[in-house]
Protein backbone atom coordinates (compact mmCIF):
# COMPACT_ATOMS: atom_id res chain seq x y z
CA UNK A 1 -21.41 -134.12 0.91
CA UNK A 2 -23.12 -130.86 1.75
CA UNK A 3 -26.05 -131.35 4.12
CA UNK A 4 -29.71 -131.47 3.21
CA UNK A 5 -31.90 -129.04 5.16
CA UNK A 6 -35.40 -130.33 5.85
CA UNK A 7 -38.21 -128.25 7.30
CA UNK A 8 -40.97 -130.22 8.98
CA UNK A 9 -44.05 -129.25 10.94
CA UNK A 10 -44.47 -129.71 14.65
CA UNK A 11 -46.72 -132.76 14.30
CA UNK A 12 -47.27 -135.77 12.08
CA UNK A 13 -48.60 -135.30 8.56
CA UNK A 14 -50.94 -138.26 8.90
CA UNK A 15 -50.91 -142.03 9.21
CA UNK A 16 -48.76 -142.45 6.09
CA UNK A 17 -46.11 -139.95 7.21
CA UNK A 18 -42.70 -141.66 7.26
CA UNK A 19 -40.58 -138.55 7.88
CA UNK A 20 -38.97 -139.78 11.10
CA UNK A 21 -38.19 -143.17 9.60
CA UNK A 22 -36.82 -141.51 6.46
CA UNK A 23 -34.51 -139.32 8.54
CA UNK A 24 -33.15 -142.35 10.38
CA UNK A 25 -32.63 -144.21 7.09
CA UNK A 26 -30.74 -141.26 5.63
CA UNK A 27 -28.60 -141.12 8.76
CA UNK A 28 -27.86 -144.81 8.28
CA UNK A 29 -26.51 -143.97 4.82
CA UNK A 30 -24.30 -141.28 6.43
CA UNK A 31 -26.11 -138.53 4.54
CA UNK A 32 -25.96 -135.34 6.63
CA UNK A 33 -29.34 -133.80 7.38
CA UNK A 34 -30.36 -130.72 9.37
CA UNK A 35 -33.97 -130.54 10.53
CA UNK A 36 -35.79 -127.28 11.20
CA UNK A 37 -39.25 -127.65 12.70
CA UNK A 38 -42.31 -125.52 13.19
CA UNK A 39 -45.13 -125.88 15.66
CA UNK A 40 -47.67 -123.21 14.89
CA UNK A 41 -50.79 -125.25 15.59
CA UNK A 42 -49.51 -126.37 18.99
CA UNK A 43 -48.60 -122.80 19.91
CA UNK A 44 -52.12 -121.72 18.95
CA UNK A 45 -53.59 -124.49 21.12
CA UNK A 46 -51.55 -123.42 24.14
CA UNK A 47 -52.39 -119.76 23.62
CA UNK A 48 -56.08 -120.65 23.41
CA UNK A 49 -55.80 -122.43 26.76
CA UNK A 50 -54.60 -119.13 28.20
CA UNK A 51 -57.34 -117.15 26.52
CA UNK A 52 -54.94 -115.43 24.12
CA UNK A 53 -56.19 -114.86 20.58
CA UNK A 54 -53.92 -115.82 17.68
CA UNK A 55 -53.47 -113.31 14.86
CA UNK A 56 -51.58 -113.61 11.58
CA UNK A 57 -50.30 -111.02 9.11
CA UNK A 58 -49.30 -112.27 5.64
CA UNK A 59 -48.86 -115.80 6.95
CA UNK A 60 -46.76 -114.80 9.98
CA UNK A 61 -47.86 -115.05 13.60
CA UNK A 62 -48.17 -111.76 15.50
CA UNK A 63 -46.01 -112.28 18.60
CA UNK A 64 -46.45 -110.37 21.86
CA UNK A 65 -44.36 -110.80 25.01
CA UNK A 66 -46.94 -113.23 26.36
CA UNK A 67 -47.18 -115.28 23.18
CA UNK A 68 -43.37 -115.29 22.82
CA UNK A 69 -43.05 -117.01 26.20
CA UNK A 70 -45.46 -119.69 24.99
CA UNK A 71 -43.68 -120.01 21.62
CA UNK A 72 -40.29 -120.49 23.29
CA UNK A 73 -41.65 -123.11 25.69
CA UNK A 74 -43.52 -125.01 23.00
CA UNK A 75 -40.89 -124.82 20.24
CA UNK A 76 -37.62 -125.23 22.13
CA UNK A 77 -39.15 -127.46 24.79
CA UNK A 78 -42.15 -129.62 24.01
CA UNK A 79 -41.97 -130.03 20.23
CA UNK A 80 -38.19 -130.07 19.88
CA UNK A 81 -37.76 -132.81 22.45
CA UNK A 82 -40.69 -134.81 21.08
CA UNK A 83 -39.01 -134.93 17.67
CA UNK A 84 -35.67 -135.90 19.21
CA UNK A 85 -37.42 -138.64 21.20
CA UNK A 86 -39.25 -139.94 18.11
CA UNK A 87 -35.93 -140.20 16.29
CA UNK A 88 -34.39 -142.01 19.27
CA UNK A 89 -37.29 -144.46 19.38
CA UNK A 90 -36.39 -145.49 15.82
CA UNK A 91 -32.68 -145.79 16.69
CA UNK A 92 -31.78 -142.39 15.27
CA UNK A 93 -29.23 -140.07 16.86
CA UNK A 94 -30.34 -136.45 17.20
CA UNK A 95 -29.60 -133.38 19.28
CA UNK A 96 -32.25 -130.72 19.88
CA UNK A 97 -31.25 -127.08 19.51
CA UNK A 98 -32.85 -123.70 19.09
CA UNK A 99 -31.60 -120.78 17.07
CA UNK A 100 -30.34 -119.30 20.34
CA UNK A 101 -27.92 -122.15 21.03
CA UNK A 102 -24.39 -121.29 20.06
CA UNK A 103 -25.64 -118.03 18.58
CA UNK A 104 -26.88 -120.04 15.62
CA UNK A 105 -29.46 -117.45 14.54
CA UNK A 106 -29.49 -113.74 15.26
CA UNK A 107 -32.21 -111.35 14.20
CA UNK A 108 -34.11 -108.15 14.65
CA UNK A 109 -37.73 -107.10 14.48
CA UNK A 110 -38.79 -105.76 11.11
CA UNK A 111 -42.54 -105.07 11.14
CA UNK A 112 -44.37 -103.38 14.00
CA UNK A 113 -47.55 -105.26 13.07
CA UNK A 114 -45.84 -108.56 13.88
CA UNK A 115 -44.36 -107.57 17.23
CA UNK A 116 -41.55 -109.88 18.38
CA UNK A 117 -41.08 -111.71 15.09
CA UNK A 118 -37.53 -111.55 13.83
CA UNK A 119 -35.85 -111.23 10.49
CA UNK A 120 -32.64 -113.30 10.37
CA UNK A 121 -29.60 -111.03 10.19
CA UNK A 122 -26.82 -113.59 10.66
CA UNK A 123 -26.22 -117.32 10.93
CA UNK A 124 -23.36 -119.01 12.78
CA UNK A 125 -23.44 -122.61 11.63
CA UNK A 126 -20.49 -123.81 13.73
CA UNK A 127 -22.71 -125.64 16.23
CA UNK A 128 -24.54 -127.40 13.39
CA UNK A 129 -21.26 -128.55 11.84
CA UNK A 130 -20.08 -129.78 15.23
CA UNK A 131 -23.25 -131.83 15.72
CA UNK A 132 -23.13 -133.20 12.16
CA UNK A 133 -19.45 -134.12 12.44
CA UNK A 134 -20.27 -136.26 15.47
CA UNK A 135 -22.89 -138.19 13.53
CA UNK A 136 -26.03 -136.59 14.97
CA UNK A 137 -29.02 -134.93 13.29
CA UNK A 138 -29.43 -131.35 14.53
CA UNK A 139 -33.09 -130.59 15.21
CA UNK A 140 -33.56 -126.81 15.30
CA UNK A 141 -36.39 -124.78 16.83
CA UNK A 142 -36.99 -121.45 15.01
CA UNK A 143 -35.94 -118.85 17.58
CA UNK A 144 -33.28 -116.15 17.34
CA UNK A 145 -31.14 -114.10 19.69
CA UNK A 146 -31.72 -110.37 19.34
CA UNK A 147 -28.89 -108.43 17.77
CA UNK A 148 -26.50 -106.82 20.21
CA UNK A 149 -27.81 -103.47 21.40
CA UNK A 150 -31.43 -104.30 20.62
CA UNK A 151 -33.79 -104.37 23.62
CA UNK A 152 -37.21 -105.06 22.14
CA UNK A 153 -37.76 -108.44 23.79
CA UNK A 154 -37.47 -108.83 27.57
CA UNK A 155 -36.00 -112.30 27.11
CA UNK A 156 -33.57 -111.33 24.37
CA UNK A 157 -35.27 -113.84 22.07
CA UNK A 158 -37.35 -113.45 18.93
CA UNK A 159 -39.84 -115.75 17.25
CA UNK A 160 -38.94 -116.79 13.71
CA UNK A 161 -40.97 -118.27 10.92
CA UNK A 162 -39.59 -121.80 10.54
CA UNK A 163 -39.61 -121.66 6.73
CA UNK A 164 -37.56 -118.47 6.79
CA UNK A 165 -35.13 -119.92 9.32
CA UNK A 166 -34.67 -123.08 7.25
CA UNK A 167 -33.76 -121.09 4.14
CA UNK A 168 -31.16 -119.01 5.98
CA UNK A 169 -29.59 -122.12 7.49
CA UNK A 170 -29.54 -123.83 4.09
CA UNK A 171 -27.80 -120.84 2.52
CA UNK A 172 -25.18 -120.62 5.28
CA UNK A 173 -24.43 -124.35 4.98
CA UNK A 174 -24.49 -124.25 1.16
CA UNK A 175 -26.96 -127.12 1.40
CA UNK A 176 -27.27 -129.65 -1.38
CA UNK A 177 -31.03 -129.08 -1.26
CA UNK A 178 -33.77 -127.53 0.87
CA UNK A 179 -36.93 -129.58 1.41
CA UNK A 180 -40.26 -128.45 2.86
CA UNK A 181 -42.52 -131.34 3.85
CA UNK A 182 -46.16 -130.25 3.91
CA UNK A 183 -49.71 -131.60 4.02
CA UNK A 184 -50.54 -130.33 0.52
CA UNK A 185 -49.55 -131.49 -2.95
CA UNK A 186 -47.33 -128.49 -3.62
CA UNK A 187 -47.89 -125.08 -5.22
CA UNK A 188 -51.13 -124.79 -7.15
CA UNK A 189 -51.90 -122.23 -9.84
CA UNK A 190 -55.10 -120.15 -10.02
CA UNK A 191 -56.94 -123.11 -11.60
CA UNK A 192 -55.82 -125.51 -8.89
CA UNK A 193 -53.29 -127.28 -11.11
CA UNK A 194 -50.06 -128.48 -9.51
CA UNK A 195 -47.00 -126.53 -10.62
CA UNK A 196 -44.21 -129.09 -10.86
CA UNK A 197 -41.47 -126.48 -11.43
CA UNK A 198 -41.22 -122.79 -10.58
CA UNK A 199 -38.42 -120.37 -11.49
CA UNK A 200 -37.76 -116.92 -10.02
CA UNK A 201 -40.04 -115.09 -12.44
CA UNK A 202 -42.94 -117.46 -11.88
CA UNK A 203 -42.42 -117.29 -8.14
CA UNK A 204 -42.66 -113.49 -8.17
CA UNK A 205 -45.83 -113.74 -10.25
CA UNK A 206 -47.40 -116.18 -7.81
CA UNK A 207 -46.74 -113.87 -4.87
CA UNK A 208 -47.78 -110.63 -6.55
CA UNK A 209 -50.98 -112.09 -8.03
CA UNK A 210 -52.23 -113.39 -4.70
CA UNK A 211 -52.38 -116.99 -5.90
CA UNK A 212 -50.11 -117.96 -3.00
CA UNK A 213 -51.72 -117.07 0.32
CA UNK A 214 -51.42 -117.46 4.09
CA UNK A 215 -48.82 -119.96 5.33
CA UNK A 216 -47.65 -120.76 1.82
CA UNK A 217 -46.30 -117.21 1.40
CA UNK A 218 -43.23 -117.65 3.64
CA UNK A 219 -42.56 -121.06 2.07
CA UNK A 220 -42.43 -119.62 -1.43
CA UNK A 221 -40.35 -116.67 -0.25
CA UNK A 222 -37.94 -119.06 1.47
CA UNK A 223 -37.60 -121.19 -1.67
CA UNK A 224 -36.90 -118.11 -3.76
CA UNK A 225 -34.32 -116.87 -1.25
CA UNK A 226 -32.56 -120.23 -1.45
CA UNK A 227 -32.74 -120.24 -5.25
CA UNK A 228 -31.11 -116.81 -5.42
CA UNK A 229 -28.21 -118.41 -3.59
CA UNK A 230 -27.96 -121.39 -5.91
CA UNK A 231 -29.89 -123.90 -3.79
CA UNK A 232 -32.69 -125.93 -5.32
CA UNK A 233 -35.75 -126.23 -3.09
CA UNK A 234 -38.72 -128.56 -2.95
CA UNK A 235 -42.19 -128.20 -1.47
CA UNK A 236 -43.20 -131.84 -1.16
CA UNK A 237 -46.28 -133.72 -0.04
CA UNK A 238 -44.93 -135.33 3.12
CA UNK A 239 -48.00 -137.55 3.43
CA UNK A 240 -46.48 -139.79 0.75
CA UNK A 241 -44.59 -142.71 2.24
CA UNK A 242 -40.84 -142.49 1.69
CA UNK A 243 -41.04 -139.07 0.03
CA UNK A 244 -38.06 -137.59 1.85
CA UNK A 245 -35.87 -140.67 1.57
CA UNK A 246 -36.58 -141.06 -2.13
CA UNK A 247 -35.95 -137.40 -2.92
CA UNK A 248 -32.60 -137.30 -1.13
CA UNK A 249 -31.19 -140.74 -1.91
CA UNK A 250 -32.58 -141.71 -5.31
CA UNK A 251 -31.51 -139.79 -8.42
CA UNK A 252 -34.56 -140.75 -10.49
CA UNK A 253 -37.17 -140.24 -7.75
CA UNK A 254 -39.84 -137.68 -8.61
CA UNK A 255 -41.86 -136.60 -5.57
CA UNK A 256 -45.36 -135.17 -5.56
CA UNK A 257 -44.70 -131.48 -5.20
CA UNK A 258 -43.08 -128.36 -6.62
CA UNK A 259 -39.39 -127.77 -7.29
CA UNK A 260 -37.94 -124.24 -7.33
CA UNK A 261 -35.18 -124.24 -9.89
CA UNK A 262 -33.45 -121.99 -12.41
CA UNK A 263 -34.76 -123.84 -15.47
CA UNK A 264 -37.37 -122.14 -17.69
CA UNK A 265 -40.78 -122.30 -16.09
CA UNK A 266 -43.16 -125.08 -17.06
């Protein structure tokens, strides 16, 4: 079975969040899962402690040399290992990685306004396959190694949007599905109505009309990127108990959220 790629945030979605338990249950069924995590709010908290202001452009964090150091420490260190530990506490088997490990993700800067934020240029999934083949869940922090010959970052690392990273990993692995667990119901139209299904045309309309804003922009773009490559994606309300487990393991399960698919728009 091709793996499922799941993007989660850097912290719990609330008291009813069963994401960690769902991941362990899926592992118990021998269903391969790759986890990509974010951590934006924690990065902002740590930057605030240092008196560094956080700025966003079109839903992406502006990353300076100083804020990159914090992002690397928080993402690849604190949050990554917390998630691995939470899985271990529930008898799950996981290995924490970043996009730098094994050359998993490589990238280059693409917008001067964003600073040291990378666009993924290549994915080497060999380390993920190795981890999966040994029965572990890879837990990936969204960082990339700069392309050879590029010397923009002193550390040789770039910050990545986790949604973007998850889509590129899903495409490289030819994932069976890509799932974004969020703290909202899904994609809402201009009247606030939940869109249960979105195709490419509707997705473009949502972005161009400004209905989708802030942090939802990279999620929608990631879903559309996956859909172009034949992968169905879901933006799901992760506050619902068992949402991830039901979506992956039960054929007739219908989660609260939005599916990006090639069917005519609803």
